[in-house]
């Protein structure tokens, strides 16, 4: 089913209005791209922090296990 456009509707969507719409849409996507860029930067920083904390926990656990093994070995 097609809807016929009234002549006044057709005239109201002139090139200037379409250009304004294009500019508005482009500006909206520009804002979205900036927000995504900021989110990626924040996620990279969070990932870096997570790796550092995980590494510290792993090293601490390893040192603890070595300490327990050394305590057992010296008490025998």
PDB file of N, CA and C in Angstrom:
ATOM      1  N   UNK A   1       0.849  -1.171   0.000  1.00  0.00           N
ATOM      2  CA  UNK A   1       0.000   0.000   0.000  1.00  0.00           C
ATOM      3  C   UNK A   1       0.893   1.232   0.000  1.00  0.00           C
ATOM      4  N   UNK A   2       0.696   2.083  -0.951  1.00  0.00           N
ATOM      5  CA  UNK A   2       1.492   3.305  -1.027  1.00  0.00           C
ATOM      6  C   UNK A   2       0.637   4.484  -0.621  1.00  0.00           C
ATOM      7  N   UNK A   3       1.280   5.430  -0.006  1.00  0.00           N
ATOM      8  CA  UNK A   3       0.585   6.641   0.409  1.00  0.00           C
ATOM      9  C   UNK A   3       1.045   7.769  -0.492  1.00  0.00           C
ATOM     10  N   UNK A   4       0.100   8.420  -1.115  1.00  0.00           N
ATOM     11  CA  UNK A   4       0.442   9.535  -1.998  1.00  0.00           C
ATOM     12  C   UNK A   4       0.741  10.764  -1.153  1.00  0.00           C
ATOM     13  N   UNK A   5       1.806  11.448  -1.517  1.00  0.00           N
ATOM     14  CA  UNK A   5       2.170  12.671  -0.807  1.00  0.00           C
ATOM     15  C   UNK A   5       1.349  13.823  -1.359  1.00  0.00           C
ATOM     16  N   UNK A   6       0.871  14.632  -0.453  1.00  0.00           N
ATOM     17  CA  UNK A   6       0.162  15.820  -0.885  1.00  0.00           C
ATOM     18  C   UNK A   6       1.167  16.810  -1.464  1.00  0.00           C
ATOM     19  N   UNK A   7       0.768  17.590  -2.419  1.00  0.00           N
ATOM     20  CA  UNK A   7       1.709  18.545  -3.030  1.00  0.00           C
ATOM     21  C   UNK A   7       2.362  19.476  -2.012  1.00  0.00           C
ATOM     22  N   UNK A   8       1.618  19.925  -0.999  1.00  0.00           N
ATOM     23  CA  UNK A   8       2.228  20.841  -0.042  1.00  0.00           C
ATOM     24  C   UNK A   8       3.292  20.117   0.790  1.00  0.00           C
ATOM     25  N   UNK A   9       3.102  18.819   1.086  1.00  0.00           N
ATOM     26  CA  UNK A   9       4.125  18.061   1.812  1.00  0.00           C
ATOM     27  C   UNK A   9       5.383  17.915   0.970  1.00  0.00           C
ATOM     28  N   UNK A  10       5.183  17.682  -0.291  1.00  0.00           N
ATOM     29  CA  UNK A  10       6.314  17.520  -1.194  1.00  0.00           C
ATOM     30  C   UNK A  10       7.119  18.811  -1.284  1.00  0.00           C
ATOM     31  N   UNK A  11       6.431  19.926  -1.314  1.00  0.00           N
ATOM     32  CA  UNK A  11       7.107  21.212  -1.410  1.00  0.00           C
ATOM     33  C   UNK A  11       7.802  21.586  -0.107  1.00  0.00           C
ATOM     34  N   UNK A  12       7.239  21.140   1.019  1.00  0.00           N
ATOM     35  CA  UNK A  12       7.830  21.527   2.298  1.00  0.00           C
ATOM     36  C   UNK A  12       9.155  20.806   2.549  1.00  0.00           C
ATOM     37  N   UNK A  13       9.383  19.683   1.912  1.00  0.00           N
ATOM     38  CA  UNK A  13      10.657  18.966   2.070  1.00  0.00           C
ATOM     39  C   UNK A  13      11.597  19.363   0.932  1.00  0.00           C
ATOM     40  N   UNK A  14      12.000  20.594   0.940  1.00  0.00           N
ATOM     41  CA  UNK A  14      12.915  21.076  -0.085  1.00  0.00           C
ATOM     42  C   UNK A  14      14.356  20.695   0.283  1.00  0.00           C
ATOM     43  N   UNK A  15      15.265  21.048  -0.553  1.00  0.00           N
ATOM     44  CA  UNK A  15      16.669  20.686  -0.344  1.00  0.00           C
ATOM     45  C   UNK A  15      17.238  21.266   0.947  1.00  0.00           C
ATOM     46  N   UNK A  16      16.815  22.478   1.299  1.00  0.00           N
ATOM     47  CA  UNK A  16      17.327  23.096   2.525  1.00  0.00           C
ATOM     48  C   UNK A  16      16.904  22.307   3.755  1.00  0.00           C
ATOM     49  N   UNK A  17      15.676  21.852   3.789  1.00  0.00           N
ATOM     50  CA  UNK A  17      15.202  21.068   4.931  1.00  0.00           C
ATOM     51  C   UNK A  17      15.916  19.724   4.988  1.00  0.00           C
ATOM     52  N   UNK A  18      16.145  19.126   3.841  1.00  0.00           N
ATOM     53  CA  UNK A  18      16.864  17.850   3.822  1.00  0.00           C
ATOM     54  C   UNK A  18      18.308  18.034   4.281  1.00  0.00           C
ATOM     55  N   UNK A  19      18.929  19.141   3.886  1.00  0.00           N
ATOM     56  CA  UNK A  19      20.289  19.427   4.346  1.00  0.00           C
ATOM     57  C   UNK A  19      20.322  19.637   5.853  1.00  0.00           C
ATOM     58  N   UNK A  20      19.308  20.334   6.394  1.00  0.00           N
ATOM     59  CA  UNK A  20      19.230  20.526   7.842  1.00  0.00           C
ATOM     60  C   UNK A  20      19.083  19.184   8.558  1.00  0.00           C
ATOM     61  N   UNK A  21      18.242  18.311   8.009  1.00  0.00           N
ATOM     62  CA  UNK A  21      18.053  16.983   8.597  1.00  0.00           C
ATOM     63  C   UNK A  21      19.363  16.199   8.558  1.00  0.00           C
ATOM     64  N   UNK A  22      20.060  16.263   7.448  1.00  0.00           N
ATOM     65  CA  UNK A  22      21.339  15.563   7.316  1.00  0.00           C
ATOM     66  C   UNK A  22      22.336  16.072   8.355  1.00  0.00           C
ATOM     67  N   UNK A  23      22.393  17.390   8.539  1.00  0.00           N
ATOM     68  CA  UNK A  23      23.313  17.976   9.516  1.00  0.00           C
ATOM     69  C   UNK A  23      22.957  17.534  10.932  1.00  0.00           C
ATOM     70  N   UNK A  24      21.671  17.484  11.232  1.00  0.00           N
ATOM     71  CA  UNK A  24      21.228  17.059  12.557  1.00  0.00           C
ATOM     72  C   UNK A  24      21.602  15.600  12.810  1.00  0.00           C
ATOM     73  N   UNK A  25      21.375  14.757  11.824  1.00  0.00           N
ATOM     74  CA  UNK A  25      21.717  13.339  11.961  1.00  0.00           C
ATOM     75  C   UNK A  25      23.233  13.171  12.091  1.00  0.00           C
ATOM     76  N   UNK A  26      23.983  13.888  11.289  1.00  0.00           N
ATOM     77  CA  UNK A  26      25.448  13.815  11.373  1.00  0.00           C
ATOM     78  C   UNK A  26      25.945  14.250  12.741  1.00  0.00           C
ATOM     79  N   UNK A  27      25.349  15.294  13.296  1.00  0.00           N
ATOM     80  CA  UNK A  27      25.749  15.785  14.621  1.00  0.00           C
ATOM     81  C   UNK A  27      25.433  14.741  15.692  1.00  0.00           C
ATOM     82  N   UNK A  28      24.298  14.078  15.559  1.00  0.00           N
ATOM     83  CA  UNK A  28      23.947  13.026  16.513  1.00  0.00           C
ATOM     84  C   UNK A  28      24.934  11.878  16.466  1.00  0.00           C
ATOM     85  N   UNK A  29      25.341  11.470  15.279  1.00  0.00           N
ATOM     86  CA  UNK A  29      26.319  10.384  15.164  1.00  0.00           C
ATOM     87  C   UNK A  29      27.693  10.827  15.658  1.00  0.00           C
ATOM     88  N   UNK A  30      28.012  12.098  15.497  1.00  0.00           N
ATOM     89  CA  UNK A  30      29.290  12.613  16.004  1.00  0.00           C
ATOM     90  C   UNK A  30      29.331  12.493  17.529  1.00  0.00           C
ATOM     91  N   UNK A  31      28.232  12.882  18.176  1.00  0.00           N
ATOM     92  CA  UNK A  31      28.148  12.746  19.632  1.00  0.00           C
ATOM     93  C   UNK A  31      28.280  11.286  20.054  1.00  0.00           C
ATOM     94  N   UNK A  32      27.617  10.397  19.326  1.00  0.00           N
ATOM     95  CA  UNK A  32      27.667   8.977  19.644  1.00  0.00           C
ATOM     96  C   UNK A  32      29.091   8.434  19.499  1.00  0.00           C
ATOM     97  N   UNK A  33      29.783   8.829  18.447  1.00  0.00           N
ATOM     98  CA  UNK A  33      31.156   8.367  18.241  1.00  0.00           C
ATOM     99  C   UNK A  33      32.070   8.844  19.366  1.00  0.00           C
ATOM    100  N   UNK A  34      31.874  10.088  19.813  1.00  0.00           N
ATOM    101  CA  UNK A  34      32.684  10.621  20.918  1.00  0.00           C
ATOM    102  C   UNK A  34      32.423   9.840  22.205  1.00  0.00           C
ATOM    103  N   UNK A  35      31.160   9.501  22.454  1.00  0.00           N
ATOM    104  CA  UNK A  35      30.834   8.726  23.653  1.00  0.00           C
ATOM    105  C   UNK A  35      31.432   7.328  23.582  1.00  0.00           C
ATOM    106  N   UNK A  36      31.368   6.693  22.427  1.00  0.00           N
ATOM    107  CA  UNK A  36      31.978   5.365  22.270  1.00  0.00           C
ATOM    108  C   UNK A  36      33.492   5.428  22.463  1.00  0.00           C
ATOM    109  N   UNK A  37      34.116   6.473  21.943  1.00  0.00           N
ATOM    110  CA  UNK A  37      35.561   6.626  22.097  1.00  0.00           C
ATOM    111  C   UNK A  37      35.925   6.761  23.583  1.00  0.00           C
ATOM    112  N   UNK A  38      35.151   7.557  24.313  1.00  0.00           N
ATOM    113  CA  UNK A  38      35.390   7.725  25.752  1.00  0.00           C
ATOM    114  C   UNK A  38      35.175   6.404  26.487  1.00  0.00           C
ATOM    115  N   UNK A  39      34.172   5.645  26.089  1.00  0.00           N
ATOM    116  CA  UNK A  39      33.886   4.360  26.737  1.00  0.00           C
ATOM    117  C   UNK A  39      35.013   3.366  26.475  1.00  0.00           C
ATOM    118  N   UNK A  40      35.539   3.331  25.256  1.00  0.00           N
ATOM    119  CA  UNK A  40      36.651   2.418  24.959  1.00  0.00           C
ATOM    120  C   UNK A  40      37.875   2.768  25.787  1.00  0.00           C
ATOM    121  N   UNK A  41      38.147   4.053  25.950  1.00  0.00           N
ATOM    122  CA  UNK A  41      39.291   4.492  26.758  1.00  0.00           C
ATOM    123  C   UNK A  41      39.110   4.059  28.204  1.00  0.00           C
ATOM    124  N   UNK A  42      37.902   4.242  28.723  1.00  0.00           N
ATOM    125  CA  UNK A  42      37.613   3.861  30.105  1.00  0.00           C
ATOM    126  C   UNK A  42      37.722   2.340  30.291  1.00  0.00           C
ATOM    127  N   UNK A  43      37.222   1.588  29.326  1.00  0.00           N
ATOM    128  CA  UNK A  43      37.292   0.124  29.424  1.00  0.00           C
ATOM    129  C   UNK A  43      38.739  -0.357  29.360  1.00  0.00           C
ATOM    130  N   UNK A  44      39.570   0.280  28.551  1.00  0.00           N
ATOM    131  CA  UNK A  44      40.984  -0.106  28.477  1.00  0.00           C
ATOM    132  C   UNK A  44      41.670   0.143  29.814  1.00  0.00           C
ATOM    133  N   UNK A  45      41.348   1.251  30.464  1.00  0.00           N
ATOM    134  CA  UNK A  45      41.931   1.549  31.774  1.00  0.00           C
ATOM    135  C   UNK A  45      41.464   0.533  32.808  1.00  0.00           C
ATOM    136  N   UNK A  46      40.181   0.169  32.752  1.00  0.00           N
ATOM    137  CA  UNK A  46      39.655  -0.835  33.683  1.00  0.00           C
ATOM    138  C   UNK A  46      40.316  -2.187  33.455  1.00  0.00           C
ATOM    139  N   UNK A  47      40.535  -2.546  32.204  1.00  0.00           N
ATOM    140  CA  UNK A  47      41.179  -3.829  31.885  1.00  0.00           C
ATOM    141  C   UNK A  47      42.607  -3.851  32.422  1.00  0.00           C
ATOM    142  N   UNK A  48      43.312  -2.746  32.259  1.00  0.00           N
ATOM    143  CA  UNK A  48      44.676  -2.640  32.750  1.00  0.00           C
ATOM    144  C   UNK A  48      44.712  -2.818  34.275  1.00  0.00           C
ATOM    145  N   UNK A  49      43.780  -2.177  34.961  1.00  0.00           N
ATOM    146  CA  UNK A  49      43.708  -2.292  36.419  1.00  0.00           C
ATOM    147  C   UNK A  49      43.393  -3.719  36.838  1.00  0.00           C
ATOM    148  N   UNK A  50      42.485  -4.362  36.124  1.00  0.00           N
ATOM    149  CA  UNK A  50      42.123  -5.737  36.432  1.00  0.00           C
ATOM    150  C   UNK A  50      43.315  -6.672  36.258  1.00  0.00           C
ATOM    151  N   UNK A  51      44.089  -6.479  35.220  1.00  0.00           N
ATOM    152  CA  UNK A  51      45.282  -7.305  34.997  1.00  0.00           C
ATOM    153  C   UNK A  51      46.302  -7.082  36.105  1.00  0.00           C
ATOM    154  N   UNK A  52      46.475  -5.848  36.527  1.00  0.00           N
ATOM    155  CA  UNK A  52      47.434  -5.544  37.592  1.00  0.00           C
ATOM    156  C   UNK A  52      47.005  -6.186  38.914  1.00  0.00           C
ATOM    157  N   UNK A  53      45.732  -6.067  39.256  1.00  0.00           N
ATOM    158  CA  UNK A  53      45.238  -6.651  40.509  1.00  0.00           C
ATOM    159  C   UNK A  53      45.318  -8.174  40.438  1.00  0.00           C
ATOM    160  N   UNK A  54      44.935  -8.746  39.310  1.00  0.00           N
ATOM    161  CA  UNK A  54      45.022 -10.207  39.147  1.00  0.00           C
ATOM    162  C   UNK A  54      46.457 -10.691  39.256  1.00  0.00           C
ATOM    163  N   UNK A  55      47.383  -9.977  38.666  1.00  0.00           N
ATOM    164  CA  UNK A  55      48.798 -10.347  38.753  1.00  0.00           C
ATOM    165  C   UNK A  55      49.312 -10.273  40.180  1.00  0.00           C
ATOM    166  N   UNK A  56      48.894  -9.232  40.898  1.00  0.00           N
ATOM    167  CA  UNK A  56      49.323  -9.090  42.294  1.00  0.00           C
ATOM    168  C   UNK A  56      48.774 -10.232  43.144  1.00  0.00           C
ATOM    169  N   UNK A  57      47.528 -10.607  42.932  1.00  0.00           N
ATOM    170  CA  UNK A  57      46.941 -11.728  43.677  1.00  0.00           C
ATOM    171  C   UNK A  57      47.679 -13.026  43.353  1.00  0.00           C
ATOM    172  N   UNK A  58      47.979 -13.238  42.085  1.00  0.00           N
ATOM    173  CA  UNK A  58      48.673 -14.459  41.676  1.00  0.00           C
ATOM    174  C   UNK A  58      50.059 -14.537  42.324  1.00  0.00           C
ATOM    175  N   UNK A  59      50.806 -13.451  42.276  1.00  0.00           N
ATOM    176  CA  UNK A  59      52.158 -13.432  42.862  1.00  0.00           C
ATOM    177  C   UNK A  59      52.080 -13.635  44.376  1.00  0.00           C
ATOM    178  N   UNK A  60      51.125 -12.991  45.037  1.00  0.00           N
ATOM    179  CA  UNK A  60      50.969 -13.152  46.486  1.00  0.00           C
ATOM    180  C   UNK A  60      50.647 -14.602  46.839  1.00  0.00           C
ATOM    181  N   UNK A  61      49.777 -15.224  46.067  1.00  0.00           N
ATOM    182  CA  UNK A  61      49.434 -16.633  46.300  1.00  0.00           C
ATOM    183  C   UNK A  61      50.657 -17.527  46.099  1.00  0.00           C
ATOM    184  N   UNK A  62      51.419 -17.262  45.076  1.00  0.00           N
ATOM    185  CA  UNK A  62      52.614 -18.051  44.795  1.00  0.00           C
ATOM    186  C   UNK A  62      53.622 -17.935  45.935  1.00  0.00           C
ATOM    187  N   UNK A  63      53.840 -16.717  46.407  1.00  0.00           N
ATOM    188  CA  UNK A  63      54.766 -16.507  47.528  1.00  0.00           C
ATOM    189  C   UNK A  63      54.249 -17.225  48.771  1.00  0.00           C
ATOM    190  N   UNK A  64      52.947 -17.184  49.011  1.00  0.00           N
ATOM    191  CA  UNK A  64      52.356 -17.879  50.157  1.00  0.00           C
ATOM    192  C   UNK A  64      52.571 -19.380  50.074  1.00  0.00           C
ATOM    193  N   UNK A  65      52.328 -19.951  48.901  1.00  0.00           N
ATOM    194  CA  UNK A  65      52.542 -21.399  48.727  1.00  0.00           C
ATOM    195  C   UNK A  65      54.005 -21.774  48.919  1.00  0.00           C
ATOM    196  N   UNK A  66      54.891 -20.972  48.390  1.00  0.00           N
ATOM    197  CA  UNK A  66      56.329 -21.238  48.572  1.00  0.00           C
ATOM    198  C   UNK A  66      56.689 -21.161  50.053  1.00  0.00           C
ATOM    199  N   UNK A  67      56.084 -20.191  50.767  1.00  0.00           N
ATOM    200  CA  UNK A  67      56.322 -20.064  52.208  1.00  0.00           C
ATOM    201  C   UNK A  67      55.828 -21.277  52.973  1.00  0.00           C
ATOM    202  N   UNK A  68      54.658 -21.786  52.616  1.00  0.00           N
ATOM    203  CA  UNK A  68      54.116 -22.980  53.272  1.00  0.00           C
ATOM    204  C   UNK A  68      55.009 -24.185  52.988  1.00  0.00           C
ATOM    205  N   UNK A  69      55.448 -24.349  51.754  1.00  0.00           N
ATOM    206  CA  UNK A  69      56.332 -25.473  51.405  1.00  0.00           C
ATOM    207  C   UNK A  69      57.657 -25.357  52.148  1.00  0.00           C
ATOM    208  N   UNK A  70      58.187 -24.138  52.241  1.00  0.00           N
ATOM    209  CA  UNK A  70      59.446 -23.943  52.972  1.00  0.00           C
ATOM    210  C   UNK A  70      59.264 -24.238  54.451  1.00  0.00           C
ATOM    211  N   UNK A  71      58.132 -23.869  55.035  1.00  0.00           N
ATOM    212  CA  UNK A  71      57.873 -24.136  56.450  1.00  0.00           C
ATOM    213  C   UNK A  71      57.770 -25.635  56.706  1.00  0.00           C
ATOM    214  N   UNK A  72      57.080 -26.310  55.800  1.00  0.00           N
ATOM    215  CA  UNK A  72      56.958 -27.766  55.952  1.00  0.00           C
ATOM    216  C   UNK A  72      58.319 -28.445  55.787  1.00  0.00           C
ATOM    217  N   UNK A  73      59.088 -27.993  54.805  1.00  0.00           N
ATOM    218  CA  UNK A  73      60.408 -28.620  54.536  1.00  0.00           C
ATOM    219  C   UNK A  73      61.376 -28.403  55.696  1.00  0.00           C
ATOM    220  N   UNK A  74      61.318 -27.276  56.359  1.00  0.00           N
ATOM    221  CA  UNK A  74      62.268 -27.006  57.451  1.00  0.00           C
ATOM    222  C   UNK A  74      61.813 -27.646  58.772  1.00  0.00           C
ATOM    223  N   UNK A  75      60.529 -27.981  58.874  1.00  0.00           N
ATOM    224  CA  UNK A  75      60.046 -28.585  60.135  1.00  0.00           C
ATOM    225  C   UNK A  75      60.226 -30.106  60.145  1.00  0.00           C
ATOM    226  N   UNK A  76      60.580 -30.695  59.058  1.00  0.00           N
ATOM    227  CA  UNK A  76      60.729 -32.160  59.000  1.00  0.00           C
ATOM    228  C   UNK A  76      62.084 -32.581  59.437  1.00  0.00           C
TER     229      UNK A  76
END
